[in-house]
Each structure stands twice: as structure tokens, then as C-alpha cells.
Amino acid sequence: QWNTAKIVLDGNHIEHWLNGKKVVDVEIDSDDWNQKVAASKFSKWEKFGKNKTGRICFQDHGNEVAFRNIKVTRLAGN
């Protein structure tokens, strides 16, 4: 069984959709974002969630994982 996922980054606004349902809707660098980063395992990473450009990384959390049909599209105006 395969899941479908979509991640949309528009400026500082991020949405993550999983199997057609929005599971994340957040603004990078908002008070809420900064509080969550400060309370996370990423709090010591100075640039976490701050870079405007960079690489995309797909990862697992210790389990077997497979990816297929990955598409990266730049939104108009970004």
C-alpha cells in the first residue's frame, strides 16, 4: 500500500498533505513555529527552518522505506 503526500511551501507558509488530508499548516518563523523548534530535538541547529534555499532530503526513522513518483515543482512567483 502506498501513501500519497504533498508538501507546499509558499513563502513562509508550509502545508503538508497526507492521503488527501492536510496534516500540517504552519508559518515558518512565527511565534508558534519558533516555540515548537525551541522545544524540539532541532533546537541546537542554528539554521533549522531558516534557509530559503537548499536541498531536499527524504528519510526514514529506522524502518524500511521506499519512495516512488517524486515530483518537485517550483510554484509561480517563487
PDB file of N, CA and C in Angstrom:
ATOM      1  N   GLN A   1       0.848  -1.174   0.000  1.00  0.00           N
ATOM      2  CA  GLN A   1       0.000   0.000   0.000  1.00  0.00           C
ATOM      3  C   GLN A   1       0.891   1.233   0.000  1.00  0.00           C
ATOM      4  N   TRP A   2       0.550   2.206  -0.833  1.00  0.00           N
ATOM      5  CA  TRP A   2       1.334   3.431  -0.942  1.00  0.00           C
ATOM      6  C   TRP A   2       0.525   4.607  -0.396  1.00  0.00           C
ATOM      7  N   ASN A   3       1.192   5.481   0.328  1.00  0.00           N
ATOM      8  CA  ASN A   3       0.594   6.747   0.742  1.00  0.00           C
ATOM      9  C   ASN A   3       0.884   7.778  -0.326  1.00  0.00           C
ATOM     10  N   THR A   4       0.083   8.820  -0.375  1.00  0.00           N
ATOM     11  CA  THR A   4       0.378   9.966  -1.229  1.00  0.00           C
ATOM     12  C   THR A   4       0.622  11.156  -0.324  1.00  0.00           C
ATOM     13  N   ALA A   5       1.590  11.960  -0.678  1.00  0.00           N
ATOM     14  CA  ALA A   5       1.929  13.128   0.131  1.00  0.00           C
ATOM     15  C   ALA A   5       2.185  14.316  -0.773  1.00  0.00           C
ATOM     16  N   LYS A   6       1.864  15.487  -0.257  1.00  0.00           N
ATOM     17  CA  LYS A   6       2.150  16.730  -0.973  1.00  0.00           C
ATOM     18  C   LYS A   6       2.622  17.735   0.067  1.00  0.00           C
ATOM     19  N   ILE A   7       3.746  18.378  -0.206  1.00  0.00           N
ATOM     20  CA  ILE A   7       4.255  19.438   0.655  1.00  0.00           C
ATOM     21  C   ILE A   7       4.280  20.710  -0.167  1.00  0.00           C
ATOM     22  N   VAL A   8       3.634  21.753   0.335  1.00  0.00           N
ATOM     23  CA  VAL A   8       3.565  23.031  -0.364  1.00  0.00           C
ATOM     24  C   VAL A   8       4.249  24.087   0.501  1.00  0.00           C
ATOM     25  N   LEU A   9       5.266  24.729  -0.063  1.00  0.00           N
ATOM     26  CA  LEU A   9       5.958  25.831   0.596  1.00  0.00           C
ATOM     27  C   LEU A   9       5.730  27.068  -0.249  1.00  0.00           C
ATOM     28  N   ASP A  10       5.033  28.038   0.307  1.00  0.00           N
ATOM     29  CA  ASP A  10       4.724  29.290  -0.395  1.00  0.00           C
ATOM     30  C   ASP A  10       5.166  30.428   0.511  1.00  0.00           C
ATOM     31  N   GLY A  11       6.341  30.996   0.201  1.00  0.00           N
ATOM     32  CA  GLY A  11       6.924  31.980   1.118  1.00  0.00           C
ATOM     33  C   GLY A  11       7.286  31.277   2.412  1.00  0.00           C
ATOM     34  N   ASN A  12       6.725  31.736   3.521  1.00  0.00           N
ATOM     35  CA  ASN A  12       6.965  31.103   4.819  1.00  0.00           C
ATOM     36  C   ASN A  12       5.849  30.144   5.214  1.00  0.00           C
ATOM     37  N   HIS A  13       4.867  29.975   4.360  1.00  0.00           N
ATOM     38  CA  HIS A  13       3.716  29.123   4.682  1.00  0.00           C
ATOM     39  C   HIS A  13       3.959  27.703   4.165  1.00  0.00           C
ATOM     40  N   ILE A  14       3.814  26.723   5.058  1.00  0.00           N
ATOM     41  CA  ILE A  14       4.000  25.315   4.684  1.00  0.00           C
ATOM     42  C   ILE A  14       2.720  24.549   4.972  1.00  0.00           C
ATOM     43  N   GLU A  15       2.337  23.738   3.990  1.00  0.00           N
ATOM     44  CA  GLU A  15       1.248  22.780   4.184  1.00  0.00           C
ATOM     45  C   GLU A  15       1.786  21.397   3.845  1.00  0.00           C
ATOM     46  N   HIS A  16       1.403  20.411   4.634  1.00  0.00           N
ATOM     47  CA  HIS A  16       1.737  19.012   4.343  1.00  0.00           C
ATOM     48  C   HIS A  16       0.426  18.249   4.265  1.00  0.00           C
ATOM     49  N   TRP A  17       0.218  17.593   3.148  1.00  0.00           N
ATOM     50  CA  TRP A  17      -0.987  16.800   2.900  1.00  0.00           C
ATOM     51  C   TRP A  17      -0.595  15.336   2.842  1.00  0.00           C
ATOM     52  N   LEU A  18      -1.353  14.485   3.509  1.00  0.00           N
ATOM     53  CA  LEU A  18      -1.109  13.048   3.506  1.00  0.00           C
ATOM     54  C   LEU A  18      -2.404  12.345   3.154  1.00  0.00           C
ATOM     55  N   ASN A  19      -2.377  11.616   2.039  1.00  0.00           N
ATOM     56  CA  ASN A  19      -3.559  10.901   1.544  1.00  0.00           C
ATOM     57  C   ASN A  19      -4.775  11.826   1.425  1.00  0.00           C
ATOM     58  N   GLY A  20      -4.527  13.042   0.922  1.00  0.00           N
ATOM     59  CA  GLY A  20      -5.596  13.995   0.661  1.00  0.00           C
ATOM     60  C   GLY A  20      -6.068  14.793   1.861  1.00  0.00           C
ATOM     61  N   LYS A  21      -5.466  14.576   3.024  1.00  0.00           N
ATOM     62  CA  LYS A  21      -5.866  15.292   4.241  1.00  0.00           C
ATOM     63  C   LYS A  21      -4.723  16.192   4.703  1.00  0.00           C
ATOM     64  N   LYS A  22      -5.029  17.470   4.967  1.00  0.00           N
ATOM     65  CA  LYS A  22      -4.000  18.390   5.438  1.00  0.00           C
ATOM     66  C   LYS A  22      -3.649  18.038   6.883  1.00  0.00           C
ATOM     67  N   VAL A  23      -2.362  17.750   7.132  1.00  0.00           N
ATOM     68  CA  VAL A  23      -1.921  17.366   8.471  1.00  0.00           C
ATOM     69  C   VAL A  23      -1.015  18.417   9.120  1.00  0.00           C
ATOM     70  N   VAL A  24      -0.502  19.351   8.322  1.00  0.00           N
ATOM     71  CA  VAL A  24       0.319  20.440   8.851  1.00  0.00           C
ATOM     72  C   VAL A  24      -0.017  21.707   8.091  1.00  0.00           C
ATOM     73  N   ASP A  25      -0.157  22.804   8.817  1.00  0.00           N
ATOM     74  CA  ASP A  25      -0.391  24.130   8.239  1.00  0.00           C
ATOM     75  C   ASP A  25       0.306  25.114   9.172  1.00  0.00           C
ATOM     76  N   VAL A  26       1.465  25.636   8.757  1.00  0.00           N
ATOM     77  CA  VAL A  26       2.289  26.426   9.670  1.00  0.00           C
ATOM     78  C   VAL A  26       3.021  27.537   8.922  1.00  0.00           C
ATOM     79  N   GLU A  27       3.357  28.584   9.643  1.00  0.00           N
ATOM     80  CA  GLU A  27       4.169  29.685   9.120  1.00  0.00           C
ATOM     81  C   GLU A  27       5.559  29.589   9.735  1.00  0.00           C
ATOM     82  N   ILE A  28       6.583  29.452   8.882  1.00  0.00           N
ATOM     83  CA  ILE A  28       7.959  29.449   9.367  1.00  0.00           C
ATOM     84  C   ILE A  28       8.249  30.805   9.993  1.00  0.00           C
ATOM     85  N   ASP A  29       8.951  30.803  11.110  1.00  0.00           N
ATOM     86  CA  ASP A  29       9.392  31.990  11.854  1.00  0.00           C
ATOM     87  C   ASP A  29       8.257  32.687  12.596  1.00  0.00           C
ATOM     88  N   SER A  30       7.076  32.065  12.664  1.00  0.00           N
ATOM     89  CA  SER A  30       6.012  32.619  13.517  1.00  0.00           C
ATOM     90  C   SER A  30       6.350  32.294  14.967  1.00  0.00           C
ATOM     91  N   ASP A  31       5.668  32.926  15.917  1.00  0.00           N
ATOM     92  CA  ASP A  31       5.894  32.615  17.324  1.00  0.00           C
ATOM     93  C   ASP A  31       5.646  31.136  17.598  1.00  0.00           C
ATOM     94  N   ASP A  32       4.563  30.599  17.015  1.00  0.00           N
ATOM     95  CA  ASP A  32       4.239  29.182  17.200  1.00  0.00           C
ATOM     96  C   ASP A  32       5.363  28.297  16.670  1.00  0.00           C
ATOM     97  N   TRP A  33       5.859  28.577  15.470  1.00  0.00           N
ATOM     98  CA  TRP A  33       6.960  27.817  14.859  1.00  0.00           C
ATOM     99  C   TRP A  33       8.199  27.864  15.752  1.00  0.00           C
ATOM    100  N   ASN A  34       8.587  29.071  16.167  1.00  0.00           N
ATOM    101  CA  ASN A  34       9.801  29.236  16.970  1.00  0.00           C
ATOM    102  C   ASN A  34       9.699  28.508  18.308  1.00  0.00           C
ATOM    103  N   GLN A  35       8.525  28.510  18.919  1.00  0.00           N
ATOM    104  CA  GLN A  35       8.331  27.783  20.179  1.00  0.00           C
ATOM    105  C   GLN A  35       8.463  26.278  19.964  1.00  0.00           C
ATOM    106  N   LYS A  36       7.890  25.786  18.875  1.00  0.00           N
ATOM    107  CA  LYS A  36       7.969  24.346  18.588  1.00  0.00           C
ATOM    108  C   LYS A  36       9.396  23.920  18.272  1.00  0.00           C
ATOM    109  N   VAL A  37      10.135  24.726  17.521  1.00  0.00           N
ATOM    110  CA  VAL A  37      11.535  24.408  17.227  1.00  0.00           C
ATOM    111  C   VAL A  37      12.347  24.422  18.523  1.00  0.00           C
ATOM    112  N   ALA A  38      12.127  25.415  19.372  1.00  0.00           N
ATOM    113  CA  ALA A  38      12.871  25.523  20.637  1.00  0.00           C
ATOM    114  C   ALA A  38      12.628  24.312  21.539  1.00  0.00           C
ATOM    115  N   ALA A  39      11.447  23.713  21.443  1.00  0.00           N
ATOM    116  CA  ALA A  39      11.105  22.557  22.278  1.00  0.00           C
ATOM    117  C   ALA A  39      11.452  21.224  21.604  1.00  0.00           C
ATOM    118  N   SER A  40      12.047  21.280  20.415  1.00  0.00           N
ATOM    119  CA  SER A  40      12.305  20.055  19.648  1.00  0.00           C
ATOM    120  C   SER A  40      13.766  19.623  19.747  1.00  0.00           C
ATOM    121  N   LYS A  41      14.028  18.456  19.167  1.00  0.00           N
ATOM    122  CA  LYS A  41      15.407  17.962  19.104  1.00  0.00           C
ATOM    123  C   LYS A  41      16.268  18.799  18.170  1.00  0.00           C
ATOM    124  N   PHE A  42      15.666  19.713  17.421  1.00  0.00           N
ATOM    125  CA  PHE A  42      16.400  20.556  16.475  1.00  0.00           C
ATOM    126  C   PHE A  42      16.794  21.909  17.077  1.00  0.00           C
ATOM    127  N   SER A  43      16.514  22.136  18.343  1.00  0.00           N
ATOM    128  CA  SER A  43      16.736  23.443  18.968  1.00  0.00           C
ATOM    129  C   SER A  43      18.182  23.908  18.898  1.00  0.00           C
ATOM    130  N   LYS A  44      19.119  22.987  18.855  1.00  0.00           N
ATOM    131  CA  LYS A  44      20.545  23.358  18.821  1.00  0.00           C
ATOM    132  C   LYS A  44      21.050  23.628  17.399  1.00  0.00           C
ATOM    133  N   TRP A  45      20.223  23.317  16.385  1.00  0.00           N
ATOM    134  CA  TRP A  45      20.613  23.547  14.995  1.00  0.00           C
ATOM    135  C   TRP A  45      20.298  24.999  14.646  1.00  0.00           C
ATOM    136  N   GLU A  46      21.305  25.829  14.617  1.00  0.00           N
ATOM    137  CA  GLU A  46      21.144  27.274  14.433  1.00  0.00           C
ATOM    138  C   GLU A  46      20.314  27.649  13.207  1.00  0.00           C
ATOM    139  N   LYS A  47      20.485  26.927  12.109  1.00  0.00           N
ATOM    140  CA  LYS A  47      19.805  27.296  10.860  1.00  0.00           C
ATOM    141  C   LYS A  47      18.555  26.471  10.580  1.00  0.00           C
ATOM    142  N   PHE A  48      18.125  25.630  11.523  1.00  0.00           N
ATOM    143  CA  PHE A  48      16.963  24.780  11.265  1.00  0.00           C
ATOM    144  C   PHE A  48      15.730  25.622  10.964  1.00  0.00           C
ATOM    145  N   GLY A  49      15.136  25.371   9.794  1.00  0.00           N
ATOM    146  CA  GLY A  49      13.918  26.077   9.408  1.00  0.00           C
ATOM    147  C   GLY A  49      14.130  27.524   9.010  1.00  0.00           C
ATOM    148  N   LYS A  50      15.361  27.908   8.737  1.00  0.00           N
ATOM    149  CA  LYS A  50      15.660  29.309   8.399  1.00  0.00           C
ATOM    150  C   LYS A  50      16.114  29.499   6.956  1.00  0.00           C
ATOM    151  N   ASN A  51      16.686  28.456   6.333  1.00  0.00           N
ATOM    152  CA  ASN A  51      17.222  28.602   4.983  1.00  0.00           C
ATOM    153  C   ASN A  51      16.101  28.780   3.964  1.00  0.00           C
ATOM    154  N   LYS A  52      16.291  29.689   3.045  1.00  0.00           N
ATOM    155  CA  LYS A  52      15.309  29.934   1.986  1.00  0.00           C
ATOM    156  C   LYS A  52      15.508  29.009   0.788  1.00  0.00           C
ATOM    157  N   THR A  53      16.712  28.475   0.637  1.00  0.00           N
ATOM    158  CA  THR A  53      17.009  27.534  -0.444  1.00  0.00           C
ATOM    159  C   THR A  53      17.846  26.404   0.147  1.00  0.00           C
ATOM    160  N   GLY A  54      17.930  25.322  -0.588  1.00  0.00           N
ATOM    161  CA  GLY A  54      18.747  24.213  -0.113  1.00  0.00           C
ATOM    162  C   GLY A  54      18.376  22.924  -0.797  1.00  0.00           C
ATOM    163  N   ARG A  55      18.695  21.840  -0.174  1.00  0.00           N
ATOM    164  CA  ARG A  55      18.462  20.512  -0.726  1.00  0.00           C
ATOM    165  C   ARG A  55      17.245  19.877  -0.070  1.00  0.00           C
ATOM    166  N   ILE A  56      16.686  18.933  -0.786  1.00  0.00           N
ATOM    167  CA  ILE A  56      15.568  18.169  -0.267  1.00  0.00           C
ATOM    168  C   ILE A  56      16.113  16.823   0.179  1.00  0.00           C
ATOM    169  N   CYS A  57      15.713  16.374   1.343  1.00  0.00           N
ATOM    170  CA  CYS A  57      16.182  15.113   1.892  1.00  0.00           C
ATOM    171  C   CYS A  57      14.989  14.247   2.268  1.00  0.00           C
ATOM    172  N   PHE A  58      14.999  13.018   1.828  1.00  0.00           N
ATOM    173  CA  PHE A  58      13.974  12.050   2.210  1.00  0.00           C
ATOM    174  C   PHE A  58      14.604  11.099   3.214  1.00  0.00           C
ATOM    175  N   GLN A  59      13.886  10.816   4.292  1.00  0.00           N
ATOM    176  CA  GLN A  59      14.470   9.972   5.324  1.00  0.00           C
ATOM    177  C   GLN A  59      13.451   9.003   5.896  1.00  0.00           C
ATOM    178  N   ASP A  60      13.985   8.062   6.621  1.00  0.00           N
ATOM    179  CA  ASP A  60      13.147   7.124   7.363  1.00  0.00           C
ATOM    180  C   ASP A  60      13.492   7.292   8.837  1.00  0.00           C
ATOM    181  N   HIS A  61      12.823   6.567   9.675  1.00  0.00           N
ATOM    182  CA  HIS A  61      13.109   6.631  11.110  1.00  0.00           C
ATOM    183  C   HIS A  61      13.443   5.235  11.633  1.00  0.00           C
ATOM    184  N   GLY A  62      14.323   4.541  10.898  1.00  0.00           N
ATOM    185  CA  GLY A  62      14.791   3.238  11.327  1.00  0.00           C
ATOM    186  C   GLY A  62      14.051   2.057  10.717  1.00  0.00           C
ATOM    187  N   ASN A  63      13.050   2.334   9.890  1.00  0.00           N
ATOM    188  CA  ASN A  63      12.297   1.268   9.244  1.00  0.00           C
ATOM    189  C   ASN A  63      12.574   1.267   7.751  1.00  0.00           C
ATOM    190  N   GLU A  64      12.268   0.152   7.103  1.00  0.00           N
ATOM    191  CA  GLU A  64      12.401   0.093   5.654  1.00  0.00           C
ATOM    192  C   GLU A  64      11.439   1.097   5.032  1.00  0.00           C
ATOM    193  N   VAL A  65      11.893   1.801   4.013  1.00  0.00           N
ATOM    194  CA  VAL A  65      11.070   2.818   3.362  1.00  0.00           C
ATOM    195  C   VAL A  65      11.341   2.789   1.863  1.00  0.00           C
ATOM    196  N   ALA A  66      10.347   3.135   1.073  1.00  0.00           N
ATOM    197  CA  ALA A  66      10.501   3.223  -0.380  1.00  0.00           C
ATOM    198  C   ALA A  66       9.747   4.448  -0.867  1.00  0.00           C
ATOM    199  N   PHE A  67      10.269   5.079  -1.892  1.00  0.00           N
ATOM    200  CA  PHE A  67       9.644   6.250  -2.491  1.00  0.00           C
ATOM    201  C   PHE A  67       9.436   5.971  -3.972  1.00  0.00           C
ATOM    202  N   ARG A  68       8.402   6.572  -4.540  1.00  0.00           N
ATOM    203  CA  ARG A  68       8.191   6.466  -5.983  1.00  0.00           C
ATOM    204  C   ARG A  68       7.421   7.697  -6.457  1.00  0.00           C
ATOM    205  N   ASN A  69       7.567   7.991  -7.739  1.00  0.00           N
ATOM    206  CA  ASN A  69       6.845   9.088  -8.389  1.00  0.00           C
ATOM    207  C   ASN A  69       7.032  10.424  -7.678  1.00  0.00           C
ATOM    208  N   ILE A  70       8.263  10.758  -7.341  1.00  0.00           N
ATOM    209  CA  ILE A  70       8.552  12.025  -6.668  1.00  0.00           C
ATOM    210  C   ILE A  70       8.661  13.122  -7.717  1.00  0.00           C
ATOM    211  N   LYS A  71       7.939  14.209  -7.487  1.00  0.00           N
ATOM    212  CA  LYS A  71       7.981  15.363  -8.381  1.00  0.00           C
ATOM    213  C   LYS A  71       8.220  16.610  -7.540  1.00  0.00           C
ATOM    214  N   VAL A  72       9.130  17.456  -7.989  1.00  0.00           N
ATOM    215  CA  VAL A  72       9.411  18.728  -7.337  1.00  0.00           C
ATOM    216  C   VAL A  72       9.077  19.816  -8.350  1.00  0.00           C
ATOM    217  N   THR A  73       8.182  20.711  -7.965  1.00  0.00           N
ATOM    218  CA  THR A  73       7.741  21.772  -8.875  1.00  0.00           C
ATOM    219  C   THR A  73       7.873  23.114  -8.185  1.00  0.00           C
ATOM    220  N   ARG A  74       8.471  24.074  -8.863  1.00  0.00           N
ATOM    221  CA  ARG A  74       8.572  25.436  -8.328  1.00  0.00           C
ATOM    222  C   ARG A  74       7.241  26.155  -8.588  1.00  0.00           C
ATOM    223  N   LEU A  75       6.677  26.744  -7.527  1.00  0.00           N
ATOM    224  CA  LEU A  75       5.431  27.496  -7.675  1.00  0.00           C
ATOM    225  C   LEU A  75       5.693  28.792  -8.422  1.00  0.00           C
ATOM    226  N   ALA A  76       4.748  29.245  -9.195  1.00  0.00           N
ATOM    227  CA  ALA A  76       4.872  30.510  -9.914  1.00  0.00           C
ATOM    228  C   ALA A  76       5.132  31.636  -8.914  1.00  0.00           C
ATOM    229  N   GLY A  77       6.099  32.477  -9.198  1.00  0.00           N
ATOM    230  CA  GLY A  77       6.408  33.609  -8.341  1.00  0.00           C
ATOM    231  C   GLY A  77       7.376  33.279  -7.212  1.00  0.00           C
ATOM    232  N   ASN A  78       7.804  32.031  -7.111  1.00  0.00           N
ATOM    233  CA  ASN A  78       8.735  31.655  -6.030  1.00  0.00           C
ATOM    234  C   ASN A  78      10.066  31.252  -6.597  1.00  0.00           C
TER     235      ASN A  78
END
